[in-house]
C-alpha atoms as a PDB file:
ATOM      1  CA  MET A   1       0.023   0.013  -0.042  1.00  0.00           C
ATOM      2  CA  THR A   2       1.197   3.634  -0.641  1.00  0.00           C
ATOM      3  CA  ARG A   3       1.047   6.502   1.472  1.00  0.00           C
ATOM      4  CA  PRO A   4       1.525   9.663  -0.231  1.00  0.00           C
ATOM      5  CA  ALA A   5      -1.106  12.084   1.010  1.00  0.00           C
ATOM      6  CA  HIS A   6       1.103  13.343   3.731  1.00  0.00           C
ATOM      7  CA  HIS A   7       3.765  14.535   0.990  1.00  0.00           C
ATOM      8  CA  LEU A   8       1.156  16.225  -1.038  1.00  0.00           C
ATOM      9  CA  VAL A   9      -0.466  18.083   1.574  1.00  0.00           C
ATOM     10  CA  ARG A  10       2.446  20.215   1.834  1.00  0.00           C
ATOM     11  CA  LEU A  11       2.169  20.798  -2.088  1.00  0.00           C
ATOM     12  CA  ALA A  12      -1.562  21.771  -1.758  1.00  0.00           C
ATOM     13  CA  PRO A  13      -1.342  25.603  -1.294  1.00  0.00           C
ATOM     14  CA  ILE A  14       0.515  25.705  -4.725  1.00  0.00           C
ATOM     15  CA  LEU A  15      -1.563  23.203  -6.264  1.00  0.00           C
ATOM     16  CA  LEU A  16      -4.595  24.249  -8.152  1.00  0.00           C
ATOM     17  CA  ALA A  17      -6.725  21.627 -10.016  1.00  0.00           C
ATOM     18  CA  THR A  18     -10.227  20.529 -11.292  1.00  0.00           C
ATOM     19  CA  LEU A  19     -11.710  17.200 -10.377  1.00  0.00           C
ATOM     20  CA  THR A  20     -14.512  14.876 -12.035  1.00  0.00           C
ATOM     21  CA  VAL A  21     -15.041  12.788  -9.154  1.00  0.00           C
ATOM     22  CA  SER A  22     -17.241  14.737  -7.170  1.00  0.00           C
ATOM     23  CA  ALA A  23     -20.652  15.840  -6.092  1.00  0.00           C
ATOM     24  CA  CYS A  24     -20.121  19.574  -5.730  1.00  0.00           C
ATOM     25  CA  THR A  25     -23.695  20.376  -5.804  1.00  0.00           C
ATOM     26  CA  GLY A  26     -26.268  20.821  -3.209  1.00  0.00           C
ATOM     27  CA  SER A  27     -29.058  23.153  -2.443  1.00  0.00           C
ATOM     28  CA  LYS A  28     -27.124  24.863   0.401  1.00  0.00           C
ATOM     29  CA  ALA A  29     -23.726  24.148  -0.240  1.00  0.00           C
ATOM     30  CA  PRO A  30     -21.321  26.938  -1.166  1.00  0.00           C
ATOM     31  CA  GLU A  31     -20.098  26.930  -4.782  1.00  0.00           C
ATOM     32  CA  LEU A  32     -17.143  24.614  -5.299  1.00  0.00           C
ATOM     33  CA  TYR A  33     -14.793  24.382  -8.302  1.00  0.00           C
ATOM     34  CA  CYS A  34     -14.229  21.022  -7.760  1.00  0.00           C
ATOM     35  CA  PRO A  35     -10.874  19.948  -9.200  1.00  0.00           C
ATOM     36  CA  GLN A  36     -10.960  17.126 -11.921  1.00  0.00           C
ATOM     37  CA  VAL A  37      -8.921  13.878 -10.944  1.00  0.00           C
ATOM     38  CA  ALA A  38      -8.271  11.381 -14.079  1.00  0.00           C
ATOM     39  CA  VAL A  39      -6.154   8.661 -15.350  1.00  0.00           C
ATOM     40  CA  LEU A  40      -3.927   9.766 -18.007  1.00  0.00           C
ATOM     41  CA  GLN A  41      -5.019   7.268 -20.723  1.00  0.00           C
ATOM     42  CA  GLN A  42      -1.386   7.167 -22.250  1.00  0.00           C
ATOM     43  CA  ALA A  43       0.120   6.253 -18.711  1.00  0.00           C
ATOM     44  CA  SER A  44      -2.653   4.044 -17.534  1.00  0.00           C
ATOM     45  CA  ARG A  45      -0.925   0.646 -18.251  1.00  0.00           C
ATOM     46  CA  VAL A  46       2.746  -0.580 -18.051  1.00  0.00           C
ATOM     47  CA  ILE A  47       4.337  -3.720 -19.313  1.00  0.00           C
ATOM     48  CA  LEU A  48       7.563  -4.596 -18.399  1.00  0.00           C
ATOM     49  CA  ALA A  49       9.594  -7.156 -20.177  1.00  0.00           C
ATOM     50  CA  ASN A  50      13.454  -8.527 -20.510  1.00  0.00           C
ATOM     51  CA  GLY A  51      14.930  -7.231 -23.169  1.00  0.00           C
ATOM     52  CA  ASN A  52      13.444  -4.895 -25.898  1.00  0.00           C
ATOM     53  CA  GLY A  53      11.194  -7.100 -27.480  1.00  0.00           C
ATOM     54  CA  ASN A  54       7.291  -7.512 -27.142  1.00  0.00           C
ATOM     55  CA  ASP A  55       7.507 -11.103 -27.050  1.00  0.00           C
ATOM     56  CA  ILE A  56       4.663 -12.157 -24.144  1.00  0.00           C
ATOM     57  CA  ALA A  57       7.243 -15.069 -23.067  1.00  0.00           C
ATOM     58  CA  ALA A  58       9.665 -12.081 -21.992  1.00  0.00           C
ATOM     59  CA  GLN A  59       7.032 -10.291 -19.799  1.00  0.00           C
ATOM     60  CA  THR A  60       7.694  -9.681 -16.173  1.00  0.00           C
ATOM     61  CA  LEU A  61       4.704  -7.547 -15.310  1.00  0.00           C
ATOM     62  CA  ASP A  62       1.530  -6.220 -16.890  1.00  0.00           C
ATOM     63  CA  ALA A  63       0.122  -3.326 -14.581  1.00  0.00           C
ATOM     64  CA  ARG A  64      -3.195  -1.084 -14.847  1.00  0.00           C
ATOM     65  CA  ILE A  65      -4.590   1.811 -13.122  1.00  0.00           C
ATOM     66  CA  THR A  66      -8.145   0.645 -12.497  1.00  0.00           C
ATOM     67  CA  GLY A  67      -9.295   3.926 -11.709  1.00  0.00           C
ATOM     68  CA  VAL A  68      -9.693   6.887  -9.407  1.00  0.00           C
ATOM     69  CA  ALA A  69     -12.821   7.651  -6.803  1.00  0.00           C
ATOM     70  CA  GLY A  70     -13.223  10.428  -4.697  1.00  0.00           C
ATOM     71  CA  ALA A  71     -14.999  13.777  -3.694  1.00  0.00           C
ATOM     72  CA  CYS A  72     -14.644  17.435  -3.236  1.00  0.00           C
ATOM     73  CA  HIS A  73     -15.681  19.115   0.103  1.00  0.00           C
ATOM     74  CA  GLU A  74     -15.769  22.329   1.653  1.00  0.00           C
ATOM     75  CA  ALA A  75     -12.632  23.329   3.908  1.00  0.00           C
ATOM     76  CA  GLY A  76     -13.016  26.580   5.692  1.00  0.00           C
ATOM     77  CA  LYS A  77     -14.190  29.837   4.046  1.00  0.00           C
ATOM     78  CA  ASP A  78     -11.756  30.351   0.949  1.00  0.00           C
ATOM     79  CA  MET A  79     -10.611  26.444   0.700  1.00  0.00           C
ATOM     80  CA  GLU A  80     -11.855  22.914  -0.424  1.00  0.00           C
ATOM     81  CA  THR A  81     -10.642  19.537  -0.686  1.00  0.00           C
ATOM     82  CA  VAL A  82     -10.288  16.740  -2.876  1.00  0.00           C
ATOM     83  CA  THR A  83      -9.894  13.276  -1.350  1.00  0.00           C
ATOM     84  CA  PHE A  84      -9.295  10.329  -3.796  1.00  0.00           C
ATOM     85  CA  ARG A  85      -7.772   6.886  -3.985  1.00  0.00           C
ATOM     86  CA  ILE A  86      -6.200   5.211  -6.944  1.00  0.00           C
ATOM     87  CA  GLY A  87      -6.820   1.403  -7.743  1.00  0.00           C
ATOM     88  CA  PHE A  88      -4.310  -0.777  -9.481  1.00  0.00           C
ATOM     89  CA  ALA A  89      -4.203  -4.332 -10.819  1.00  0.00           C
ATOM     90  CA  ALA A  90      -1.099  -6.220 -11.972  1.00  0.00           C
ATOM     91  CA  THR A  91      -0.317  -9.609 -13.787  1.00  0.00           C
ATOM     92  CA  ASN A  92       2.933 -11.189 -13.020  1.00  0.00           C
ATOM     93  CA  GLY A  93       4.560 -11.951 -16.190  1.00  0.00           C
ATOM     94  CA  PRO A  94       5.769 -15.468 -17.400  1.00  0.00           C
ATOM     95  CA  ALA A  95       9.420 -14.293 -17.303  1.00  0.00           C
ATOM     96  CA  SER A  96       8.999 -13.122 -13.620  1.00  0.00           C
ATOM     97  CA  ARG A  97       9.988 -15.082 -10.443  1.00  0.00           C
ATOM     98  CA  LEU A  98       9.435 -12.275  -8.145  1.00  0.00           C
ATOM     99  CA  ALA A  99       7.047 -12.457  -5.163  1.00  0.00           C
ATOM    100  CA  GLU A 100       6.819  -8.716  -4.871  1.00  0.00           C
ATOM    101  CA  GLN A 101       6.888  -6.003  -7.625  1.00  0.00           C
ATOM    102  CA  THR A 102       7.072  -2.159  -7.241  1.00  0.00           C
ATOM    103  CA  LEU A 103       6.546   0.414  -9.853  1.00  0.00           C
ATOM    104  CA  PRO A 104       6.527   4.186  -9.771  1.00  0.00           C
ATOM    105  CA  TYR A 105       3.313   6.068 -10.392  1.00  0.00           C
ATOM    106  CA  PHE A 106       2.692  10.120 -10.488  1.00  0.00           C
ATOM    107  CA  ILE A 107       0.118  12.272  -9.384  1.00  0.00           C
ATOM    108  CA  ALA A 108       0.587  15.683 -11.573  1.00  0.00           C
ATOM    109  CA  ILE A 109      -1.429  18.711 -11.452  1.00  0.00           C
ATOM    110  CA  VAL A 110      -1.935  20.303 -14.907  1.00  0.00           C
ATOM    111  CA  GLN A 111      -3.399  23.106 -16.563  1.00  0.00           C
ATOM    112  CA  GLY A 112      -3.679  22.437 -20.421  1.00  0.00           C
ATOM    113  CA  ASP A 113      -0.393  21.150 -21.495  1.00  0.00           C
ATOM    114  CA  ASP A 114       1.659  22.760 -18.894  1.00  0.00           C
ATOM    115  CA  ILE A 115       2.643  20.693 -15.516  1.00  0.00           C
ATOM    116  CA  ILE A 116       2.294  22.823 -12.660  1.00  0.00           C
ATOM    117  CA  SER A 117       3.553  20.165 -10.083  1.00  0.00           C
ATOM    118  CA  LYS A 118       4.276  16.497 -10.283  1.00  0.00           C
ATOM    119  CA  ARG A 119       5.174  13.920  -7.564  1.00  0.00           C
ATOM    120  CA  VAL A 120       6.231  10.199  -7.866  1.00  0.00           C
ATOM    121  CA  PHE A 121       5.312   7.518  -5.345  1.00  0.00           C
ATOM    122  CA  PRO A 122       5.751   3.756  -5.354  1.00  0.00           C
ATOM    123  CA  VAL A 123       2.925   1.143  -5.580  1.00  0.00           C
ATOM    124  CA  SER A 124       3.790  -2.364  -4.580  1.00  0.00           C
ATOM    125  CA  PHE A 125       2.129  -5.679  -5.694  1.00  0.00           C
ATOM    126  CA  ASP A 126       2.159  -8.778  -3.798  1.00  0.00           C
ATOM    127  CA  PHE A 127       2.709 -12.113  -5.610  1.00  0.00           C
ATOM    128  CA  LYS A 128       3.411 -14.263  -2.761  1.00  0.00           C
ATOM    129  CA  ASN A 129       2.608 -17.917  -2.540  1.00  0.00           C
ATOM    130  CA  GLY A 130       2.427 -18.229  -6.230  1.00  0.00           C
ATOM    131  CA  ALA A 131      -0.263 -15.614  -7.177  1.00  0.00           C
ATOM    132  CA  ASP A 132      -0.132 -14.397 -10.848  1.00  0.00           C
ATOM    133  CA  GLN A 133      -2.610 -11.484  -9.790  1.00  0.00           C
ATOM    134  CA  ALA A 134      -2.362  -8.574  -7.581  1.00  0.00           C
ATOM    135  CA  ILE A 135      -4.367  -5.568  -6.707  1.00  0.00           C
ATOM    136  CA  ALA A 136      -3.597  -2.484  -4.608  1.00  0.00           C
ATOM    137  CA  SER A 137      -4.936   0.910  -3.767  1.00  0.00           C
ATOM    138  CA  THR A 138      -3.481   3.843  -2.267  1.00  0.00           C
ATOM    139  CA  THR A 139      -4.613   5.275   1.360  1.00  0.00           C
ATOM    140  CA  PRO A 140      -6.928   8.377   0.607  1.00  0.00           C
ATOM    141  CA  ILE A 141      -5.292  11.426  -0.803  1.00  0.00           C
ATOM    142  CA  THR A 142      -6.162  14.877   0.420  1.00  0.00           C
ATOM    143  CA  LEU A 143      -5.382  17.973  -1.467  1.00  0.00           C
ATOM    144  CA  LYS A 144      -6.353  21.527  -0.463  1.00  0.00           C
ATOM    145  CA  PHE A 145      -7.312  23.893  -3.342  1.00  0.00           C
ATOM    146  CA  PRO A 146      -8.370  27.571  -3.096  1.00  0.00           C
ATOM    147  CA  ARG A 147     -11.913  28.051  -3.832  1.00  0.00           C
ATOM    148  CA  ALA A 148     -11.660  29.909  -6.977  1.00  0.00           C
ATOM    149  CA  PRO A 149     -12.812  29.797 -10.595  1.00  0.00           C
ATOM    150  CA  ARG A 150      -9.243  29.472 -11.867  1.00  0.00           C
ATOM    151  CA  SER A 151      -9.197  25.891 -10.289  1.00  0.00           C
ATOM    152  CA  ALA A 152     -11.971  24.928 -12.938  1.00  0.00           C
ATOM    153  CA  HIS A 153      -9.384  24.896 -15.477  1.00  0.00           C
ATOM    154  CA  GLN A 154      -6.922  22.523 -13.907  1.00  0.00           C
ATOM    155  CA  GLN A 155      -6.690  18.917 -13.639  1.00  0.00           C
ATOM    156  CA  VAL A 156      -5.247  16.296 -11.208  1.00  0.00           C
ATOM    157  CA  LEU A 157      -3.624  13.406 -13.513  1.00  0.00           C
ATOM    158  CA  VAL A 158      -2.594   9.979 -12.178  1.00  0.00           C
ATOM    159  CA  GLY A 159      -0.255   7.548 -14.312  1.00  0.00           C
ATOM    160  CA  PHE A 160       2.443   5.057 -14.055  1.00  0.00           C
ATOM    161  CA  GLN A 161       5.893   6.863 -14.466  1.00  0.00           C
ATOM    162  CA  MET A 162       7.599   5.141 -17.364  1.00  0.00           C
ATOM    163  CA  ASN A 163      10.757   5.465 -19.668  1.00  0.00           C
ATOM    164  CA  GLN A 164      10.415   5.633 -23.385  1.00  0.00           C
ATOM    165  CA  ALA A 165      10.750   1.883 -23.884  1.00  0.00           C
ATOM    166  CA  GLU A 166       7.984   0.952 -21.415  1.00  0.00           C
ATOM    167  CA  LEU A 167       5.925   3.685 -23.198  1.00  0.00           C
ATOM    168  CA  ASP A 168       6.687   2.289 -26.467  1.00  0.00           C
ATOM    169  CA  ARG A 169       5.684  -1.429 -25.162  1.00  0.00           C
ATOM    170  CA  SER A 170       2.780  -0.266 -23.183  1.00  0.00           C
ATOM    171  CA  GLY A 171       1.173   1.286 -25.907  1.00  0.00           C
ATOM    172  CA  GLU A 172       0.685  -1.810 -28.203  1.00  0.00           C
ATOM    173  CA  PRO A 173      -0.132  -5.395 -27.341  1.00  0.00           C
ATOM    174  CA  ALA A 174       2.450  -7.832 -26.976  1.00  0.00           C
ATOM    175  CA  ALA A 175       3.349 -10.139 -29.856  1.00  0.00           C
ATOM    176  CA  ALA A 176       2.254 -14.037 -29.298  1.00  0.00           C
ATOM    177  CA  PRO A 177       5.253 -16.306 -29.016  1.00  0.00           C
END
């Protein structure tokens, strides 16, 4: 399990974002500019393999971000909080003999194509006792944002942190042996 929330709370005052996860409406609730949290499609799956090939027999891990879920709430007169969790699933590949594998994932605050802030955290998958499938999720991550219209133009994006070879391999299906 990953526990990044305490690291991001320190970043929250400088992070502005918009979040799709929430029920930010209500008859008597204050107007909130709920930041949107989403999985970056291009970084939602990572396939690790021995060597540079896409041969399925060389795969050591196939991991996916299964989703994000959370909510936005009032946090004082001029602030709002976004609390969310990230879910992960992985399959231990035929070329792996590991009982545990750890991957880096990121949480980034973006506006358009500009990255405002980005942090990388580890997520571990437990394949003990011969398991070939594993799931993981973060503890609740809470970020504070100013309650301001500008927050509606930003996003919180999550994805796996990958190098170019991993991006290339994860973007296309592995070849059959």
